[in-house]
């Protein structure tokens, strides 16, 4: 097996801020919310534009890179 020195790293973009609806528990990226900022699941199911979200903490808050040569994912 050939050893890679991981000299060409590319930053993997971290996901946006995650929010969870307090009513239906839908977890969604903040950027994916519709124009009014309401929960799309509650709107579709009940016709109510609920804007009651709580932030979901990030899993580990670490920066991730991918090696361009071997494809390995490295966390720092």
N, C-alpha and C. Protein backbone atom coordinates (compact mmCIF):
# COMPACT_ATOMS: atom_id res chain seq x y z
N UNK A 1 0.84 -1.17 0.00
CA UNK A 1 0.00 0.00 0.00
C UNK A 1 0.89 1.24 0.00
N UNK A 2 0.59 2.22 -0.85
CA UNK A 2 1.38 3.43 -0.95
C UNK A 2 0.93 4.43 0.11
N UNK A 3 1.90 5.01 0.81
CA UNK A 3 1.61 5.98 1.85
C UNK A 3 1.41 7.36 1.23
N UNK A 4 0.41 8.10 1.73
CA UNK A 4 0.12 9.45 1.23
C UNK A 4 0.49 10.45 2.32
N UNK A 5 1.16 11.51 1.93
CA UNK A 5 1.56 12.54 2.89
C UNK A 5 0.49 13.60 3.11
N UNK A 6 -0.66 13.48 2.43
CA UNK A 6 -1.77 14.43 2.55
C UNK A 6 -1.29 15.87 2.36
N UNK A 7 -0.63 16.13 1.25
CA UNK A 7 -0.09 17.45 0.97
C UNK A 7 -1.09 18.39 0.29
N UNK A 8 -2.12 17.85 -0.35
CA UNK A 8 -3.11 18.67 -1.05
C UNK A 8 -4.47 18.48 -0.39
N UNK A 9 -4.79 19.34 0.59
CA UNK A 9 -6.03 19.22 1.34
C UNK A 9 -7.06 20.25 0.87
N UNK A 10 -8.32 19.82 0.87
CA UNK A 10 -9.43 20.70 0.51
C UNK A 10 -10.35 20.77 1.72
N UNK A 11 -10.72 21.99 2.09
CA UNK A 11 -11.63 22.18 3.21
C UNK A 11 -13.03 21.70 2.83
N UNK A 12 -13.62 20.88 3.69
CA UNK A 12 -15.00 20.43 3.47
C UNK A 12 -15.89 21.41 4.22
N UNK A 13 -16.80 22.03 3.50
CA UNK A 13 -17.67 23.04 4.11
C UNK A 13 -18.52 22.40 5.20
N UNK A 14 -18.60 23.07 6.32
CA UNK A 14 -19.42 22.57 7.41
C UNK A 14 -20.88 22.88 7.12
N UNK A 15 -21.76 22.02 7.56
CA UNK A 15 -23.18 22.26 7.30
C UNK A 15 -23.64 23.52 8.00
N UNK A 16 -24.73 24.09 7.50
CA UNK A 16 -25.28 25.30 8.09
C UNK A 16 -25.85 25.03 9.46
N UNK A 17 -26.36 26.07 10.06
CA UNK A 17 -26.96 25.97 11.38
C UNK A 17 -28.23 25.12 11.29
N UNK A 18 -28.29 24.10 12.11
CA UNK A 18 -29.45 23.21 12.14
C UNK A 18 -30.47 23.70 13.17
N UNK A 19 -31.73 23.61 12.79
CA UNK A 19 -32.83 23.98 13.68
C UNK A 19 -33.80 22.81 13.76
N UNK A 20 -34.49 22.69 14.91
CA UNK A 20 -35.50 21.64 15.06
C UNK A 20 -36.81 22.28 15.47
N UNK A 21 -37.88 21.92 14.77
CA UNK A 21 -39.22 22.42 15.07
C UNK A 21 -39.65 21.86 16.43
N UNK A 22 -40.19 22.71 17.28
CA UNK A 22 -40.63 22.27 18.60
C UNK A 22 -41.95 21.50 18.56
N UNK A 23 -42.63 21.51 17.43
CA UNK A 23 -43.92 20.84 17.32
C UNK A 23 -43.80 19.47 16.64
N UNK A 24 -43.17 19.42 15.47
CA UNK A 24 -43.11 18.15 14.72
C UNK A 24 -41.72 17.52 14.77
N UNK A 25 -40.74 18.18 15.38
CA UNK A 25 -39.36 17.68 15.53
C UNK A 25 -38.59 17.61 14.21
N UNK A 26 -39.06 18.26 13.16
CA UNK A 26 -38.32 18.30 11.89
C UNK A 26 -37.00 19.01 12.14
N UNK A 27 -35.90 18.43 11.67
CA UNK A 27 -34.59 19.06 11.74
C UNK A 27 -34.23 19.53 10.34
N UNK A 28 -33.86 20.81 10.23
CA UNK A 28 -33.65 21.43 8.92
C UNK A 28 -32.54 22.46 9.03
N UNK A 29 -31.79 22.66 7.93
CA UNK A 29 -30.79 23.72 7.88
C UNK A 29 -31.50 25.06 7.84
N UNK A 30 -30.94 26.04 8.50
CA UNK A 30 -31.55 27.37 8.53
C UNK A 30 -31.72 27.93 7.12
N UNK A 31 -30.76 27.64 6.22
CA UNK A 31 -30.83 28.14 4.85
C UNK A 31 -31.96 27.52 4.04
N UNK A 32 -32.45 26.36 4.46
CA UNK A 32 -33.50 25.64 3.73
C UNK A 32 -34.91 26.08 4.10
N UNK A 33 -35.03 26.95 5.11
CA UNK A 33 -36.37 27.39 5.51
C UNK A 33 -36.99 28.22 4.40
N UNK A 34 -38.31 28.10 4.21
CA UNK A 34 -38.98 28.91 3.19
C UNK A 34 -38.88 30.40 3.53
N UNK A 35 -39.25 31.23 2.58
CA UNK A 35 -39.15 32.68 2.73
C UNK A 35 -39.70 33.25 4.03
N UNK A 36 -40.78 32.72 4.54
CA UNK A 36 -41.37 33.23 5.77
C UNK A 36 -40.70 32.72 7.03
N UNK A 37 -39.79 31.77 6.90
CA UNK A 37 -39.10 31.21 8.05
C UNK A 37 -39.93 30.24 8.86
N UNK A 38 -40.96 29.67 8.24
CA UNK A 38 -41.83 28.75 8.95
C UNK A 38 -41.43 27.30 8.67
N UNK A 39 -41.93 26.39 9.50
CA UNK A 39 -41.65 24.96 9.34
C UNK A 39 -42.45 24.43 8.15
N UNK A 40 -41.78 23.90 7.13
CA UNK A 40 -42.50 23.40 5.96
C UNK A 40 -43.34 22.16 6.27
N UNK A 41 -42.90 21.34 7.22
CA UNK A 41 -43.63 20.12 7.58
C UNK A 41 -44.95 20.46 8.27
N UNK A 42 -44.91 21.39 9.23
CA UNK A 42 -46.14 21.80 9.93
C UNK A 42 -47.10 22.49 8.96
N UNK A 43 -46.55 23.27 8.04
CA UNK A 43 -47.40 23.97 7.08
C UNK A 43 -48.10 22.98 6.15
N UNK A 44 -47.35 21.97 5.71
CA UNK A 44 -47.95 20.97 4.81
C UNK A 44 -48.98 20.10 5.53
N UNK A 45 -48.67 19.69 6.76
CA UNK A 45 -49.55 18.77 7.48
C UNK A 45 -50.76 19.46 8.10
N UNK A 46 -50.56 20.67 8.65
CA UNK A 46 -51.62 21.32 9.42
C UNK A 46 -52.07 22.67 8.86
N UNK A 47 -51.34 23.19 7.87
CA UNK A 47 -51.68 24.49 7.31
C UNK A 47 -51.33 25.65 8.23
N UNK A 48 -50.46 25.39 9.22
CA UNK A 48 -50.06 26.41 10.20
C UNK A 48 -48.60 26.79 9.96
N UNK A 49 -48.32 28.08 9.91
CA UNK A 49 -46.95 28.57 9.71
C UNK A 49 -46.27 28.74 11.08
N UNK A 50 -45.73 27.66 11.59
CA UNK A 50 -45.06 27.70 12.89
C UNK A 50 -43.60 28.12 12.72
N UNK A 51 -43.17 29.02 13.59
CA UNK A 51 -41.80 29.54 13.55
C UNK A 51 -41.08 29.26 14.87
N UNK A 52 -41.50 28.19 15.53
CA UNK A 52 -40.97 27.82 16.84
C UNK A 52 -39.85 26.80 16.69
N UNK A 53 -38.62 27.26 16.60
CA UNK A 53 -37.47 26.37 16.41
C UNK A 53 -36.50 26.50 17.58
N UNK A 54 -35.75 25.44 17.80
CA UNK A 54 -34.64 25.53 18.73
C UNK A 54 -33.39 25.04 18.02
N UNK A 55 -32.24 25.65 18.30
CA UNK A 55 -31.01 25.26 17.62
C UNK A 55 -30.56 23.86 18.04
N UNK A 56 -30.01 23.13 17.07
CA UNK A 56 -29.46 21.80 17.34
C UNK A 56 -27.95 21.96 17.44
N UNK A 57 -27.35 21.56 18.57
CA UNK A 57 -25.90 21.73 18.72
C UNK A 57 -25.13 20.90 17.70
N UNK A 58 -23.97 21.42 17.26
CA UNK A 58 -23.14 20.69 16.30
C UNK A 58 -22.59 19.43 16.95
N UNK A 59 -22.30 18.44 16.12
CA UNK A 59 -21.86 17.14 16.61
C UNK A 59 -20.51 17.25 17.31
N UNK A 60 -19.54 17.84 16.64
CA UNK A 60 -18.22 17.91 17.26
C UNK A 60 -17.53 19.25 17.05
N UNK A 61 -18.05 20.09 16.18
CA UNK A 61 -17.48 21.41 15.96
C UNK A 61 -16.07 21.40 15.38
N UNK A 62 -15.65 20.30 14.79
CA UNK A 62 -14.30 20.19 14.25
C UNK A 62 -14.29 20.51 12.76
N UNK A 63 -13.12 20.94 12.27
CA UNK A 63 -12.93 21.24 10.86
C UNK A 63 -12.53 19.97 10.13
N UNK A 64 -13.12 19.75 8.95
CA UNK A 64 -12.84 18.54 8.18
C UNK A 64 -12.19 18.92 6.85
N UNK A 65 -11.21 18.10 6.44
CA UNK A 65 -10.50 18.27 5.18
C UNK A 65 -10.54 16.96 4.42
N UNK A 66 -10.45 17.05 3.08
CA UNK A 66 -10.34 15.85 2.25
C UNK A 66 -9.04 15.95 1.47
N UNK A 67 -8.28 14.86 1.48
CA UNK A 67 -7.02 14.82 0.73
C UNK A 67 -7.35 14.64 -0.75
N UNK A 68 -6.83 15.55 -1.58
CA UNK A 68 -7.08 15.52 -3.02
C UNK A 68 -6.45 14.29 -3.67
N UNK A 69 -5.37 13.78 -3.10
CA UNK A 69 -4.65 12.66 -3.70
C UNK A 69 -5.27 11.30 -3.39
N UNK A 70 -5.59 11.06 -2.12
CA UNK A 70 -6.07 9.73 -1.74
C UNK A 70 -7.53 9.69 -1.32
N UNK A 71 -8.16 10.85 -1.09
CA UNK A 71 -9.58 10.90 -0.73
C UNK A 71 -9.86 10.74 0.75
N UNK A 72 -8.82 10.63 1.57
CA UNK A 72 -9.02 10.47 3.01
C UNK A 72 -9.65 11.72 3.60
N UNK A 73 -10.53 11.55 4.58
CA UNK A 73 -11.13 12.66 5.31
C UNK A 73 -10.40 12.81 6.63
N UNK A 74 -9.94 14.04 6.91
CA UNK A 74 -9.13 14.30 8.09
C UNK A 74 -9.84 15.36 8.92
N UNK A 75 -9.99 15.10 10.21
CA UNK A 75 -10.58 16.08 11.13
C UNK A 75 -9.49 16.73 11.94
N UNK A 76 -9.62 18.05 12.12
CA UNK A 76 -8.62 18.79 12.90
C UNK A 76 -9.29 19.63 13.95
